[in-house]
Amino acid sequence: MVQMHLDRFTANALSISRRKAGEIIKRGQVLLNEEPVTDPAVMVNPTLDKITVNGEYLSVNPVKLYYALYKPKGVVCTSDDPKGRPTIFNFIRKKKLNLHSVGRLDFWSEGLILLTNDGEFTNRVIHPSFKVAKAYSLKVDGLLTEKVVARLKRGVPVDNRPVRPFIIERLTPLKSNTRLDVVIFEGRNRILRRVFDILHFPVMSLTRTRIGIISLKGLKPGEYRELKKAEIDYFMEKNKDGKRKS
């Protein structure tokens, strides 16, 4: 294999951005042939050089890993947190540095999170052009009116950008709030909470129950499992003709 810059190899091996790889290298977390190196531009030969990150060997063609995790409330989706809060990676028995979350859920939300080291899989799940359905169960403060429901079905703009219309699968009015199950095709940060804040119905609880064909079935908060081949293929193979479908 031809030589390449250390940050490029590290980015490819960990399925992270080249900028992020450069930060890891500059922090001294990468060893090249058992010697620390902090220059991202150092040239390496991946077939001859031994490259490790925090003691974990990086291979040219790393084994692809895919997990579904039930994220509990009060947990962040980053690999580490400056505030010392627990992260989703605390629930993986053998923490693998090359895993990353496929999208995120905020601190107070719970539900399905996917983890992988496959950058193409991540792109297939989160890129808006693939229109992957994501299902949520929510409770909002207040009783939704028919007018509000109609707005949700039309789409509510956020930051001057349209939000794709919601599919409302179930709506249950309670004494002073509303439970509803919705399907959306958006991946923007905290998009559901932001939409309902705009409508003046703050979200009280939020659980993501499904991404594509992958659901929370069989998982309790903090538990995870490996994805089945059919689940991976759902994202990786159905759009090989170049047509991105829901």
C-alpha atoms as a PDB file:
ATOM      1  CA  MET A   1       0.000   0.000   0.000  1.00  0.00           C
ATOM      2  CA  VAL A   2       1.226   3.491  -0.808  1.00  0.00           C
ATOM      3  CA  GLN A   3       2.117   5.937   1.911  1.00  0.00           C
ATOM      4  CA  MET A   4      -0.447   8.386   3.228  1.00  0.00           C
ATOM      5  CA  HIS A   5      -0.671  11.082   5.877  1.00  0.00           C
ATOM      6  CA  LEU A   6      -1.221   9.804   9.399  1.00  0.00           C
ATOM      7  CA  ASP A   7      -4.392  11.829   9.891  1.00  0.00           C
ATOM      8  CA  ARG A   8      -5.919  10.430   6.706  1.00  0.00           C
ATOM      9  CA  PHE A   9      -5.178   6.838   7.717  1.00  0.00           C
ATOM     10  CA  THR A  10      -6.455   7.410  11.251  1.00  0.00           C
ATOM     11  CA  ALA A  11      -9.653   9.013   9.942  1.00  0.00           C
ATOM     12  CA  ASN A  12     -10.289   6.088   7.582  1.00  0.00           C
ATOM     13  CA  ALA A  13      -9.555   3.458  10.236  1.00  0.00           C
ATOM     14  CA  LEU A  14     -11.789   5.089  12.853  1.00  0.00           C
ATOM     15  CA  SER A  15     -14.496   6.309  10.432  1.00  0.00           C
ATOM     16  CA  ILE A  16     -14.156   9.866  11.720  1.00  0.00           C
ATOM     17  CA  SER A  17     -13.388  13.170  10.058  1.00  0.00           C
ATOM     18  CA  ARG A  18      -9.823  14.060   9.162  1.00  0.00           C
ATOM     19  CA  ARG A  19     -10.069  17.104  11.431  1.00  0.00           C
ATOM     20  CA  LYS A  20     -11.073  14.929  14.376  1.00  0.00           C
ATOM     21  CA  ALA A  21      -8.234  12.516  13.586  1.00  0.00           C
ATOM     22  CA  GLY A  22      -5.806  15.439  13.616  1.00  0.00           C
ATOM     23  CA  GLU A  23      -7.017  16.462  17.074  1.00  0.00           C
ATOM     24  CA  ILE A  24      -6.475  12.939  18.421  1.00  0.00           C
ATOM     25  CA  ILE A  25      -2.949  12.888  16.983  1.00  0.00           C
ATOM     26  CA  LYS A  26      -2.058  16.315  18.378  1.00  0.00           C
ATOM     27  CA  ARG A  27      -3.190  15.165  21.832  1.00  0.00           C
ATOM     28  CA  GLY A  28      -0.578  12.414  21.697  1.00  0.00           C
ATOM     29  CA  GLN A  29      -3.066   9.535  21.647  1.00  0.00           C
ATOM     30  CA  VAL A  30      -1.525   7.952  18.536  1.00  0.00           C
ATOM     31  CA  LEU A  31       1.637   5.842  18.572  1.00  0.00           C
ATOM     32  CA  LEU A  32       3.559   5.114  15.395  1.00  0.00           C
ATOM     33  CA  ASN A  33       5.719   1.982  15.772  1.00  0.00           C
ATOM     34  CA  GLU A  34       5.325   2.361  19.557  1.00  0.00           C
ATOM     35  CA  GLU A  35       6.593   5.952  19.518  1.00  0.00           C
ATOM     36  CA  PRO A  36       4.313   8.951  20.186  1.00  0.00           C
ATOM     37  CA  VAL A  37       3.726  11.263  17.251  1.00  0.00           C
ATOM     38  CA  THR A  38       1.838  14.565  17.254  1.00  0.00           C
ATOM     39  CA  ASP A  39       2.203  15.644  13.630  1.00  0.00           C
ATOM     40  CA  PRO A  40      -0.900  14.726  11.570  1.00  0.00           C
ATOM     41  CA  ALA A  41       1.079  15.187   8.330  1.00  0.00           C
ATOM     42  CA  VAL A  42       3.603  12.422   9.063  1.00  0.00           C
ATOM     43  CA  MET A  43       3.684   9.909   6.209  1.00  0.00           C
ATOM     44  CA  VAL A  44       2.930   6.271   7.100  1.00  0.00           C
ATOM     45  CA  ASN A  45       2.715   2.953   5.294  1.00  0.00           C
ATOM     46  CA  PRO A  46      -0.289   1.142   6.814  1.00  0.00           C
ATOM     47  CA  THR A  47       0.928  -2.283   5.669  1.00  0.00           C
ATOM     48  CA  LEU A  48       4.345  -1.883   7.314  1.00  0.00           C
ATOM     49  CA  ASP A  49       3.863   0.542  10.204  1.00  0.00           C
ATOM     50  CA  LYS A  50       2.194  -0.313  13.501  1.00  0.00           C
ATOM     51  CA  ILE A  51      -0.298   2.405  14.413  1.00  0.00           C
ATOM     52  CA  THR A  52      -2.257   2.401  17.668  1.00  0.00           C
ATOM     53  CA  VAL A  53      -4.724   4.765  19.344  1.00  0.00           C
ATOM     54  CA  ASN A  54      -4.718   4.540  23.145  1.00  0.00           C
ATOM     55  CA  GLY A  55      -3.256   1.056  22.807  1.00  0.00           C
ATOM     56  CA  GLU A  56      -5.756  -0.208  20.220  1.00  0.00           C
ATOM     57  CA  TYR A  57      -4.246  -1.357  16.937  1.00  0.00           C
ATOM     58  CA  LEU A  58      -5.654   0.258  13.803  1.00  0.00           C
ATOM     59  CA  SER A  59      -5.911  -2.059  10.821  1.00  0.00           C
ATOM     60  CA  VAL A  60      -6.073  -1.163   7.152  1.00  0.00           C
ATOM     61  CA  ASN A  61      -9.465  -2.832   6.791  1.00  0.00           C
ATOM     62  CA  PRO A  62     -11.059  -2.812  10.263  1.00  0.00           C
ATOM     63  CA  VAL A  63     -13.851  -5.253  11.042  1.00  0.00           C
ATOM     64  CA  LYS A  64     -17.150  -3.469  10.603  1.00  0.00           C
ATOM     65  CA  LEU A  65     -19.241  -3.294  13.779  1.00  0.00           C
ATOM     66  CA  TYR A  66     -22.931  -2.451  14.094  1.00  0.00           C
ATOM     67  CA  TYR A  67     -24.956  -2.157  17.316  1.00  0.00           C
ATOM     68  CA  ALA A  68     -28.399  -1.036  18.441  1.00  0.00           C
ATOM     69  CA  LEU A  69     -28.487   0.503  21.930  1.00  0.00           C
ATOM     70  CA  TYR A  70     -31.375   1.615  24.117  1.00  0.00           C
ATOM     71  CA  LYS A  71     -30.126   4.974  25.387  1.00  0.00           C
ATOM     72  CA  PRO A  72     -31.502   5.813  28.841  1.00  0.00           C
ATOM     73  CA  LYS A  73     -32.401   9.333  29.940  1.00  0.00           C
ATOM     74  CA  GLY A  74     -29.597  11.337  31.525  1.00  0.00           C
ATOM     75  CA  VAL A  75     -26.904  10.059  29.164  1.00  0.00           C
ATOM     76  CA  VAL A  76     -25.011  11.867  26.391  1.00  0.00           C
ATOM     77  CA  CYS A  77     -24.121  10.446  22.984  1.00  0.00           C
ATOM     78  CA  THR A  78     -20.496  11.613  22.823  1.00  0.00           C
ATOM     79  CA  SER A  79     -17.529   9.364  23.609  1.00  0.00           C
ATOM     80  CA  ASP A  80     -16.602  11.586  26.543  1.00  0.00           C
ATOM     81  CA  ASP A  81     -18.198  14.562  28.264  1.00  0.00           C
ATOM     82  CA  PRO A  82     -16.394  17.586  29.794  1.00  0.00           C
ATOM     83  CA  LYS A  83     -19.103  17.781  32.459  1.00  0.00           C
ATOM     84  CA  GLY A  84     -18.439  14.186  33.521  1.00  0.00           C
ATOM     85  CA  ARG A  85     -21.902  12.949  32.599  1.00  0.00           C
ATOM     86  CA  PRO A  86     -22.353   9.275  31.632  1.00  0.00           C
ATOM     87  CA  THR A  87     -22.134   8.492  27.921  1.00  0.00           C
ATOM     88  CA  ILE A  88     -23.677   5.781  25.762  1.00  0.00           C
ATOM     89  CA  PHE A  89     -20.238   4.199  25.478  1.00  0.00           C
ATOM     90  CA  ASN A  90     -20.339   3.334  29.191  1.00  0.00           C
ATOM     91  CA  PHE A  91     -22.849   0.618  28.274  1.00  0.00           C
ATOM     92  CA  ILE A  92     -20.598  -1.138  25.738  1.00  0.00           C
ATOM     93  CA  ARG A  93     -18.804  -3.890  27.640  1.00  0.00           C
ATOM     94  CA  LYS A  94     -15.595  -3.579  25.639  1.00  0.00           C
ATOM     95  CA  LYS A  95     -15.306   0.057  24.663  1.00  0.00           C
ATOM     96  CA  LYS A  96     -14.098   0.277  21.091  1.00  0.00           C
ATOM     97  CA  LEU A  97     -12.518   3.622  20.252  1.00  0.00           C
ATOM     98  CA  ASN A  98     -13.520   3.402  16.619  1.00  0.00           C
ATOM     99  CA  LEU A  99     -17.243   3.255  17.331  1.00  0.00           C
ATOM    100  CA  HIS A 100     -19.350   6.357  16.875  1.00  0.00           C
ATOM    101  CA  SER A 101     -23.035   7.072  17.279  1.00  0.00           C
ATOM    102  CA  VAL A 102     -25.196   7.328  14.167  1.00  0.00           C
ATOM    103  CA  GLY A 103     -26.950  10.583  14.963  1.00  0.00           C
ATOM    104  CA  ARG A 104     -27.797  11.560  18.521  1.00  0.00           C
ATOM    105  CA  LEU A 105     -30.475  11.922  21.146  1.00  0.00           C
ATOM    106  CA  ASP A 106     -30.318  14.780  23.635  1.00  0.00           C
ATOM    107  CA  PHE A 107     -29.546  14.316  27.327  1.00  0.00           C
ATOM    108  CA  TRP A 108     -33.171  14.039  28.462  1.00  0.00           C
ATOM    109  CA  SER A 109     -34.408  11.872  25.587  1.00  0.00           C
ATOM    110  CA  GLU A 110     -34.211   8.095  25.446  1.00  0.00           C
ATOM    111  CA  GLY A 111     -34.536   5.316  22.932  1.00  0.00           C
ATOM    112  CA  LEU A 112     -32.823   3.799  19.940  1.00  0.00           C
ATOM    113  CA  ILE A 113     -29.252   4.752  19.043  1.00  0.00           C
ATOM    114  CA  LEU A 114     -27.130   2.972  16.444  1.00  0.00           C
ATOM    115  CA  LEU A 115     -23.370   2.641  16.837  1.00  0.00           C
ATOM    116  CA  THR A 116     -20.885   1.633  14.164  1.00  0.00           C
ATOM    117  CA  ASN A 117     -17.404   2.151  12.749  1.00  0.00           C
ATOM    118  CA  ASP A 118     -18.721   2.120   9.174  1.00  0.00           C
ATOM    119  CA  GLY A 119     -18.849   5.624   7.746  1.00  0.00           C
ATOM    120  CA  GLU A 120     -20.893   4.623   4.697  1.00  0.00           C
ATOM    121  CA  PHE A 121     -23.537   2.987   6.902  1.00  0.00           C
ATOM    122  CA  THR A 122     -23.730   6.179   8.951  1.00  0.00           C
ATOM    123  CA  ASN A 123     -24.230   8.248   5.816  1.00  0.00           C
ATOM    124  CA  ARG A 124     -27.001   5.933   4.608  1.00  0.00           C
ATOM    125  CA  VAL A 125     -28.865   6.353   7.888  1.00  0.00           C
ATOM    126  CA  ILE A 126     -28.509  10.066   8.596  1.00  0.00           C
ATOM    127  CA  HIS A 127     -28.204  11.800   5.229  1.00  0.00           C
ATOM    128  CA  PRO A 128     -31.553  13.528   4.571  1.00  0.00           C
ATOM    129  CA  SER A 129     -31.579  12.524   0.892  1.00  0.00           C
ATOM    130  CA  PHE A 130     -32.089   8.873   1.901  1.00  0.00           C
ATOM    131  CA  LYS A 131     -35.295   9.839   3.752  1.00  0.00           C
ATOM    132  CA  VAL A 132     -34.932   7.227   6.494  1.00  0.00           C
ATOM    133  CA  ALA A 133     -38.034   7.043   8.690  1.00  0.00           C
ATOM    134  CA  LYS A 134     -37.537   7.614  12.414  1.00  0.00           C
ATOM    135  CA  ALA A 135     -40.383   6.873  14.831  1.00  0.00           C
ATOM    136  CA  TYR A 136     -40.877   8.557  18.210  1.00  0.00           C
ATOM    137  CA  SER A 137     -43.260   8.333  21.132  1.00  0.00           C
ATOM    138  CA  LEU A 138     -43.807  11.669  22.857  1.00  0.00           C
ATOM    139  CA  LYS A 139     -45.779  13.340  25.601  1.00  0.00           C
ATOM    140  CA  VAL A 140     -46.300  17.078  25.188  1.00  0.00           C
ATOM    141  CA  ASP A 141     -47.643  19.647  27.619  1.00  0.00           C
ATOM    142  CA  GLY A 142     -51.151  20.680  26.618  1.00  0.00           C
ATOM    143  CA  LEU A 143     -53.941  19.325  24.460  1.00  0.00           C
ATOM    144  CA  LEU A 144     -53.209  19.420  20.737  1.00  0.00           C
ATOM    145  CA  THR A 145     -55.926  21.047  18.670  1.00  0.00           C
ATOM    146  CA  GLU A 146     -56.950  20.017  15.167  1.00  0.00           C
ATOM    147  CA  LYS A 147     -55.304  23.197  13.895  1.00  0.00           C
ATOM    148  CA  VAL A 148     -51.967  22.238  15.466  1.00  0.00           C
ATOM    149  CA  VAL A 149     -52.186  18.694  14.132  1.00  0.00           C
ATOM    150  CA  ALA A 150     -52.832  20.086  10.663  1.00  0.00           C
ATOM    151  CA  ARG A 151     -49.702  22.255  10.950  1.00  0.00           C
ATOM    152  CA  LEU A 152     -47.619  19.235  11.950  1.00  0.00           C
ATOM    153  CA  LYS A 153     -48.888  17.328   8.941  1.00  0.00           C
ATOM    154  CA  ARG A 154     -48.042  20.254   6.639  1.00  0.00           C
ATOM    155  CA  GLY A 155     -44.607  20.844   8.148  1.00  0.00           C
ATOM    156  CA  VAL A 156     -43.407  23.531  10.581  1.00  0.00           C
ATOM    157  CA  PRO A 157     -40.433  25.692   9.487  1.00  0.00           C
ATOM    158  CA  VAL A 158     -37.454  25.791  11.886  1.00  0.00           C
ATOM    159  CA  ASP A 159     -34.688  28.372  11.402  1.00  0.00           C
ATOM    160  CA  ASN A 160     -36.334  29.421   8.137  1.00  0.00           C
ATOM    161  CA  ARG A 161     -35.961  25.895   6.782  1.00  0.00           C
ATOM    162  CA  PRO A 162     -38.970  23.656   6.149  1.00  0.00           C
ATOM    163  CA  VAL A 163     -39.390  20.521   8.226  1.00  0.00           C
ATOM    164  CA  ARG A 164     -40.796  17.579   6.309  1.00  0.00           C
ATOM    165  CA  PRO A 165     -44.412  16.826   7.294  1.00  0.00           C
ATOM    166  CA  PHE A 166     -44.964  14.489  10.231  1.00  0.00           C
ATOM    167  CA  ILE A 167     -46.822  11.214   9.992  1.00  0.00           C
ATOM    168  CA  ILE A 168     -48.973  10.977  13.125  1.00  0.00           C
ATOM    169  CA  GLU A 169     -49.625   7.305  13.841  1.00  0.00           C
ATOM    170  CA  ARG A 170     -51.442   7.735  17.151  1.00  0.00           C
ATOM    171  CA  LEU A 171     -52.702  10.678  19.196  1.00  0.00           C
ATOM    172  CA  THR A 172     -54.134  10.267  22.697  1.00  0.00           C
ATOM    173  CA  PRO A 173     -55.446  13.313  24.588  1.00  0.00           C
ATOM    174  CA  LEU A 174     -54.978  13.047  28.354  1.00  0.00           C
ATOM    175  CA  LYS A 175     -56.197  15.301  31.175  1.00  0.00           C
ATOM    176  CA  SER A 176     -53.780  18.164  30.539  1.00  0.00           C
ATOM    177  CA  ASN A 177     -51.299  16.820  27.986  1.00  0.00           C
ATOM    178  CA  THR A 178     -51.117  14.686  24.869  1.00  0.00           C
ATOM    179  CA  ARG A 179     -49.372  11.467  23.961  1.00  0.00           C
ATOM    180  CA  LEU A 180     -48.579  10.858  20.326  1.00  0.00           C
ATOM    181  CA  ASP A 181     -46.540   8.576  18.106  1.00  0.00           C
ATOM    182  CA  VAL A 182     -44.976  10.273  15.099  1.00  0.00           C
ATOM    183  CA  VAL A 183     -42.735   9.366  12.184  1.00  0.00           C
ATOM    184  CA  ILE A 184     -40.370  11.972  10.773  1.00  0.00           C
ATOM    185  CA  PHE A 185     -37.703  12.051   8.093  1.00  0.00           C
ATOM    186  CA  GLU A 186     -35.516  14.730   9.672  1.00  0.00           C
ATOM    187  CA  GLY A 187     -32.166  14.450  11.406  1.00  0.00           C
ATOM    188  CA  ARG A 188     -31.604  17.989  12.628  1.00  0.00           C
ATOM    189  CA  ASN A 189     -30.539  18.468  16.227  1.00  0.00           C
ATOM    190  CA  ARG A 190     -33.460  18.401  18.728  1.00  0.00           C
ATOM    191  CA  ILE A 191     -35.876  18.912  15.840  1.00  0.00           C
ATOM    192  CA  LEU A 192     -38.948  17.508  17.622  1.00  0.00           C
ATOM    193  CA  ARG A 193     -38.420  19.576  20.742  1.00  0.00           C
ATOM    194  CA  ARG A 194     -37.851  22.683  18.623  1.00  0.00           C
ATOM    195  CA  VAL A 195     -40.992  22.133  16.554  1.00  0.00           C
ATOM    196  CA  PHE A 196     -43.211  21.666  19.602  1.00  0.00           C
ATOM    197  CA  ASP A 197     -41.611  24.659  21.346  1.00  0.00           C
ATOM    198  CA  ILE A 198     -42.550  26.781  18.317  1.00  0.00           C
ATOM    199  CA  LEU A 199     -46.127  25.496  18.633  1.00  0.00           C
ATOM    200  CA  HIS A 200     -46.088  26.180  22.425  1.00  0.00           C
ATOM    201  CA  PHE A 201     -46.494  22.532  23.416  1.00  0.00           C
ATOM    202  CA  PRO A 202     -43.212  21.711  25.218  1.00  0.00           C
ATOM    203  CA  VAL A 203     -42.068  18.097  25.058  1.00  0.00           C
ATOM    204  CA  MET A 204     -42.290  16.383  28.454  1.00  0.00           C
ATOM    205  CA  SER A 205     -40.868  13.026  27.395  1.00  0.00           C
ATOM    206  CA  LEU A 206     -39.433  11.643  24.166  1.00  0.00           C
ATOM    207  CA  THR A 207     -38.473   8.113  23.146  1.00  0.00           C
ATOM    208  CA  ARG A 208     -37.125   7.115  19.730  1.00  0.00           C
ATOM    209  CA  THR A 209     -38.639   3.716  18.997  1.00  0.00           C
ATOM    210  CA  ARG A 210     -37.478   2.929  15.466  1.00  0.00           C
ATOM    211  CA  ILE A 211     -34.954   3.828  12.760  1.00  0.00           C
ATOM    212  CA  GLY A 212     -35.866   2.296   9.411  1.00  0.00           C
ATOM    213  CA  ILE A 213     -36.664  -1.343  10.199  1.00  0.00           C
ATOM    214  CA  ILE A 214     -34.632  -1.388  13.422  1.00  0.00           C
ATOM    215  CA  SER A 215     -36.645  -1.086  16.625  1.00  0.00           C
ATOM    216  CA  LEU A 216     -36.201  -1.232  20.396  1.00  0.00           C
ATOM    217  CA  LYS A 217     -37.830  -4.664  20.572  1.00  0.00           C
ATOM    218  CA  GLY A 218     -36.095  -6.878  23.135  1.00  0.00           C
ATOM    219  CA  LEU A 219     -33.980  -4.077  24.613  1.00  0.00           C
ATOM    220  CA  LYS A 220     -34.244  -2.394  28.006  1.00  0.00           C
ATOM    221  CA  PRO A 221     -32.594   0.945  28.845  1.00  0.00           C
ATOM    222  CA  GLY A 222     -28.806   0.488  28.795  1.00  0.00           C
ATOM    223  CA  GLU A 223     -28.928  -2.774  26.819  1.00  0.00           C
ATOM    224  CA  TYR A 224     -27.551  -3.255  23.325  1.00  0.00           C
ATOM    225  CA  ARG A 225     -27.289  -5.911  20.640  1.00  0.00           C
ATOM    226  CA  GLU A 226     -25.516  -6.506  17.353  1.00  0.00           C
ATOM    227  CA  LEU A 227     -27.459  -5.683  14.222  1.00  0.00           C
ATOM    228  CA  LYS A 228     -28.586  -8.542  12.003  1.00  0.00           C
ATOM    229  CA  LYS A 229     -27.331  -8.801   8.449  1.00  0.00           C
ATOM    230  CA  ALA A 230     -30.805  -8.051   7.082  1.00  0.00           C
ATOM    231  CA  GLU A 231     -30.944  -4.861   9.133  1.00  0.00           C
ATOM    232  CA  ILE A 232     -27.580  -3.691   7.814  1.00  0.00           C
ATOM    233  CA  ASP A 233     -28.514  -4.631   4.256  1.00  0.00           C
ATOM    234  CA  TYR A 234     -31.717  -2.610   4.561  1.00  0.00           C
ATOM    235  CA  PHE A 235     -29.621   0.553   4.532  1.00  0.00           C
ATOM    236  CA  MET A 236     -26.624  -0.600   2.487  1.00  0.00           C
ATOM    237  CA  GLU A 237     -28.161  -2.460  -0.439  1.00  0.00           C
ATOM    238  CA  LYS A 238     -31.653  -1.214  -1.218  1.00  0.00           C
ATOM    239  CA  ASN A 239     -30.339   2.013  -2.786  1.00  0.00           C
ATOM    240  CA  LYS A 240     -27.548   0.566  -4.911  1.00  0.00           C
ATOM    241  CA  ASP A 241     -29.373   1.709  -8.022  1.00  0.00           C
ATOM    242  CA  GLY A 242     -28.671   5.257  -6.916  1.00  0.00           C
ATOM    243  CA  LYS A 243     -32.286   6.009  -6.057  1.00  0.00           C
ATOM    244  CA  ARG A 244     -32.619   7.040  -2.471  1.00  0.00           C
ATOM    245  CA  LYS A 245     -35.868   5.772  -1.017  1.00  0.00           C
ATOM    246  CA  SER A 246     -37.663   5.996   2.284  1.00  0.00           C
END
